């Protein structure tokens, strides 16, 4: 089920099938936002670490190693992905 926005684009309703042929850039940016998190190596004041970011790039946390970062993501029922 899709609900039309004022501009005629469809709004995704959770629990329904998404027609990717009619998705807006804003909807695409939100796709996976609550299911996927990215881990990337970073340099902090205390040395190397691993940053955890939401699918849209929003910083969420810092971990000492990639295993700890992945465990934190999984604990929050998300799927970890490594950014090289």
N, C-alpha and C. Protein backbone atom coordinates (compact mmCIF):
# COMPACT_ATOMS: atom_id res chain seq x y z
N UNK A 1 0.85 -1.18 0.00
CA UNK A 1 0.00 0.00 0.00
C UNK A 1 0.89 1.24 0.00
N UNK A 2 0.56 2.16 -0.85
CA UNK A 2 1.26 3.45 -0.89
C UNK A 2 0.25 4.56 -0.70
N UNK A 3 0.65 5.57 0.01
CA UNK A 3 -0.16 6.77 0.19
C UNK A 3 0.50 7.89 -0.59
N UNK A 4 -0.25 8.61 -1.38
CA UNK A 4 0.31 9.67 -2.21
C UNK A 4 0.58 10.92 -1.40
N UNK A 5 1.77 11.50 -1.61
CA UNK A 5 2.11 12.78 -1.01
C UNK A 5 1.47 13.89 -1.84
N UNK A 6 1.56 15.13 -1.34
CA UNK A 6 0.99 16.26 -2.06
C UNK A 6 1.61 16.45 -3.44
N UNK A 7 2.85 15.98 -3.65
CA UNK A 7 3.50 16.14 -4.95
C UNK A 7 3.25 14.96 -5.88
N UNK A 8 2.44 13.98 -5.43
CA UNK A 8 2.11 12.85 -6.27
C UNK A 8 3.01 11.64 -6.08
N UNK A 9 4.10 11.78 -5.31
CA UNK A 9 4.96 10.64 -5.06
C UNK A 9 4.34 9.75 -4.00
N UNK A 10 4.72 8.51 -4.00
CA UNK A 10 4.15 7.56 -3.05
C UNK A 10 4.96 7.56 -1.77
N UNK A 11 4.25 7.40 -0.66
CA UNK A 11 4.86 7.29 0.66
C UNK A 11 4.86 5.82 1.03
N UNK A 12 5.98 5.26 1.48
CA UNK A 12 6.05 3.86 1.85
C UNK A 12 5.35 3.62 3.17
N UNK A 13 4.52 2.61 3.22
CA UNK A 13 3.83 2.22 4.44
C UNK A 13 4.43 0.89 4.89
N UNK A 14 5.01 0.82 6.11
CA UNK A 14 5.63 -0.42 6.59
C UNK A 14 4.70 -1.61 6.49
N UNK A 15 5.29 -2.77 6.14
CA UNK A 15 4.51 -3.99 6.02
C UNK A 15 3.90 -4.19 4.65
N UNK A 16 4.25 -3.35 3.70
CA UNK A 16 3.72 -3.46 2.36
C UNK A 16 4.85 -3.64 1.36
N UNK A 17 4.51 -3.95 0.14
CA UNK A 17 5.50 -4.12 -0.93
C UNK A 17 5.83 -2.75 -1.50
N UNK A 18 7.14 -2.48 -1.64
CA UNK A 18 7.60 -1.19 -2.15
C UNK A 18 7.86 -1.31 -3.64
N UNK A 19 7.25 -0.47 -4.44
CA UNK A 19 7.50 -0.44 -5.88
C UNK A 19 8.68 0.48 -6.12
N UNK A 20 9.86 -0.09 -6.37
CA UNK A 20 11.08 0.72 -6.52
C UNK A 20 11.08 1.57 -7.78
N UNK A 21 10.14 1.33 -8.68
CA UNK A 21 10.04 2.15 -9.90
C UNK A 21 9.42 3.52 -9.62
N UNK A 22 8.81 3.67 -8.46
CA UNK A 22 8.14 4.92 -8.11
C UNK A 22 8.59 5.43 -6.75
N UNK A 23 9.89 5.39 -6.49
CA UNK A 23 10.41 5.83 -5.20
C UNK A 23 11.08 7.20 -5.36
N UNK A 24 10.84 8.06 -4.42
CA UNK A 24 11.44 9.40 -4.47
C UNK A 24 12.85 9.36 -3.89
N UNK A 25 13.68 10.34 -4.20
CA UNK A 25 15.02 10.39 -3.59
C UNK A 25 14.97 10.43 -2.06
N UNK A 26 13.99 11.11 -1.49
CA UNK A 26 13.85 11.17 -0.04
C UNK A 26 13.52 9.80 0.54
N UNK A 27 12.65 9.06 -0.14
CA UNK A 27 12.30 7.71 0.32
C UNK A 27 13.50 6.77 0.19
N UNK A 28 14.26 6.92 -0.87
CA UNK A 28 15.46 6.11 -1.07
C UNK A 28 16.46 6.34 0.05
N UNK A 29 16.61 7.58 0.49
CA UNK A 29 17.54 7.92 1.56
C UNK A 29 17.14 7.26 2.88
N UNK A 30 15.84 7.03 3.07
CA UNK A 30 15.35 6.42 4.32
C UNK A 30 15.37 4.90 4.28
N UNK A 31 15.56 4.31 3.10
CA UNK A 31 15.52 2.87 2.94
C UNK A 31 16.62 2.22 3.78
N UNK A 32 16.28 1.34 4.65
CA UNK A 32 17.24 0.65 5.50
C UNK A 32 17.73 1.44 6.70
N UNK A 33 17.20 2.61 6.91
CA UNK A 33 17.68 3.49 7.97
C UNK A 33 17.67 2.83 9.34
N UNK A 34 16.65 2.04 9.64
CA UNK A 34 16.55 1.43 10.95
C UNK A 34 17.01 -0.03 10.96
N UNK A 35 17.49 -0.53 9.80
CA UNK A 35 17.91 -1.93 9.73
C UNK A 35 19.41 -2.10 9.50
N UNK A 36 20.07 -1.10 8.95
CA UNK A 36 21.47 -1.23 8.55
C UNK A 36 22.31 -0.18 9.27
N UNK A 37 23.49 -0.60 9.72
CA UNK A 37 24.47 0.32 10.29
C UNK A 37 25.82 0.01 9.66
N UNK A 38 26.63 1.04 9.47
CA UNK A 38 27.93 0.89 8.84
C UNK A 38 29.04 1.10 9.86
N UNK A 39 30.10 0.31 9.71
CA UNK A 39 31.28 0.42 10.57
C UNK A 39 32.43 0.88 9.68
N UNK A 40 33.14 1.91 10.13
CA UNK A 40 34.30 2.34 9.36
C UNK A 40 35.44 2.71 10.30
N UNK A 41 36.65 2.39 9.88
CA UNK A 41 37.81 2.74 10.71
C UNK A 41 38.00 4.25 10.75
N UNK A 42 38.30 4.76 11.93
CA UNK A 42 38.54 6.20 12.12
C UNK A 42 39.72 6.39 13.05
N UNK A 43 40.28 7.58 13.05
CA UNK A 43 41.34 7.95 13.98
C UNK A 43 40.76 8.93 14.99
N UNK A 44 40.88 8.59 16.27
CA UNK A 44 40.39 9.47 17.33
C UNK A 44 41.59 10.04 18.10
N UNK A 45 41.33 10.89 19.06
CA UNK A 45 42.40 11.43 19.91
C UNK A 45 43.12 10.33 20.67
N UNK A 46 42.42 9.22 20.90
CA UNK A 46 43.00 8.09 21.63
C UNK A 46 43.57 7.01 20.71
N UNK A 47 43.62 7.27 19.41
CA UNK A 47 44.15 6.30 18.46
C UNK A 47 43.07 5.73 17.56
N UNK A 48 43.39 4.63 16.87
CA UNK A 48 42.43 4.03 15.94
C UNK A 48 41.19 3.50 16.66
N UNK A 49 40.05 3.61 15.99
CA UNK A 49 38.78 3.11 16.52
C UNK A 49 37.88 2.78 15.34
N UNK A 50 36.67 2.38 15.63
CA UNK A 50 35.71 2.03 14.58
C UNK A 50 34.40 2.75 14.86
N UNK A 51 34.03 3.62 13.93
CA UNK A 51 32.82 4.42 14.07
C UNK A 51 31.62 3.64 13.54
N UNK A 52 30.51 3.75 14.23
CA UNK A 52 29.25 3.14 13.81
C UNK A 52 28.35 4.26 13.33
N UNK A 53 27.85 4.12 12.09
CA UNK A 53 26.98 5.14 11.48
C UNK A 53 25.68 4.49 11.04
N UNK A 54 24.59 5.25 11.14
CA UNK A 54 23.31 4.82 10.59
C UNK A 54 23.40 4.79 9.07
N UNK A 55 22.42 4.18 8.43
CA UNK A 55 22.42 4.06 6.97
C UNK A 55 22.49 5.42 6.27
N UNK A 56 22.00 6.48 6.92
CA UNK A 56 22.03 7.81 6.31
C UNK A 56 23.32 8.57 6.63
N UNK A 57 24.26 7.91 7.35
CA UNK A 57 25.53 8.54 7.67
C UNK A 57 25.59 9.19 9.04
N UNK A 58 24.51 9.20 9.76
CA UNK A 58 24.48 9.80 11.09
C UNK A 58 25.37 9.00 12.05
N UNK A 59 26.36 9.65 12.70
CA UNK A 59 27.21 8.93 13.66
C UNK A 59 26.39 8.44 14.85
N UNK A 60 26.64 7.18 15.26
CA UNK A 60 25.88 6.60 16.37
C UNK A 60 26.76 6.21 17.55
N UNK A 61 27.98 5.71 17.29
CA UNK A 61 28.83 5.25 18.38
C UNK A 61 30.25 5.02 17.87
N UNK A 62 31.16 4.77 18.83
CA UNK A 62 32.56 4.44 18.52
C UNK A 62 32.88 3.16 19.29
N UNK A 63 33.58 2.23 18.64
CA UNK A 63 34.00 0.99 19.29
C UNK A 63 35.51 0.82 19.15
N UNK A 64 36.09 0.04 20.04
CA UNK A 64 37.54 -0.17 20.03
C UNK A 64 38.00 -1.07 18.89
N UNK A 65 37.11 -1.98 18.43
CA UNK A 65 37.48 -2.88 17.35
C UNK A 65 36.25 -3.22 16.51
N UNK A 66 36.44 -3.77 15.31
CA UNK A 66 35.28 -4.03 14.45
C UNK A 66 34.35 -5.11 15.00
N UNK A 67 34.88 -6.06 15.74
CA UNK A 67 34.03 -7.10 16.33
C UNK A 67 33.07 -6.52 17.36
N UNK A 68 33.59 -5.62 18.20
CA UNK A 68 32.75 -4.97 19.20
C UNK A 68 31.70 -4.08 18.53
N UNK A 69 32.08 -3.40 17.46
CA UNK A 69 31.13 -2.57 16.72
C UNK A 69 30.02 -3.43 16.14
N UNK A 70 30.39 -4.55 15.51
CA UNK A 70 29.39 -5.44 14.92
C UNK A 70 28.47 -6.01 15.99
N UNK A 71 29.04 -6.39 17.14
CA UNK A 71 28.22 -6.93 18.23
C UNK A 71 27.22 -5.90 18.74
N UNK A 72 27.63 -4.65 18.85
CA UNK A 72 26.72 -3.59 19.29
C UNK A 72 25.59 -3.39 18.29
N UNK A 73 25.93 -3.44 17.01
CA UNK A 73 24.90 -3.27 15.97
C UNK A 73 23.90 -4.42 16.02
N UNK A 74 24.41 -5.65 16.11
CA UNK A 74 23.54 -6.82 16.16
C UNK A 74 22.66 -6.79 17.41
N UNK A 75 23.22 -6.36 18.53
CA UNK A 75 22.46 -6.26 19.79
C UNK A 75 21.26 -5.32 19.63
N UNK A 76 21.39 -4.35 18.75
CA UNK A 76 20.29 -3.40 18.51
C UNK A 76 19.44 -3.82 17.31
N UNK A 77 19.52 -5.12 16.96
CA UNK A 77 18.70 -5.72 15.90
C UNK A 77 18.88 -5.05 14.56
N UNK A 78 20.13 -4.69 14.26
CA UNK A 78 20.47 -4.10 12.97
C UNK A 78 21.49 -5.01 12.28
N UNK A 79 21.75 -4.76 11.00
CA UNK A 79 22.71 -5.53 10.23
C UNK A 79 23.97 -4.68 10.05
N UNK A 80 25.14 -5.20 10.49
CA UNK A 80 26.38 -4.44 10.33
C UNK A 80 26.96 -4.58 8.92
N UNK A 81 27.54 -3.51 8.40
CA UNK A 81 28.24 -3.50 7.13
C UNK A 81 29.53 -2.72 7.32
N UNK A 82 30.63 -3.25 6.77
CA UNK A 82 31.92 -2.61 6.90
C UNK A 82 32.17 -1.68 5.72
N UNK A 83 32.57 -0.45 6.00
CA UNK A 83 32.94 0.51 4.96
C UNK A 83 34.46 0.55 4.95
N UNK A 84 35.05 0.31 3.78
CA UNK A 84 36.52 0.29 3.68
C UNK A 84 37.07 1.67 3.49
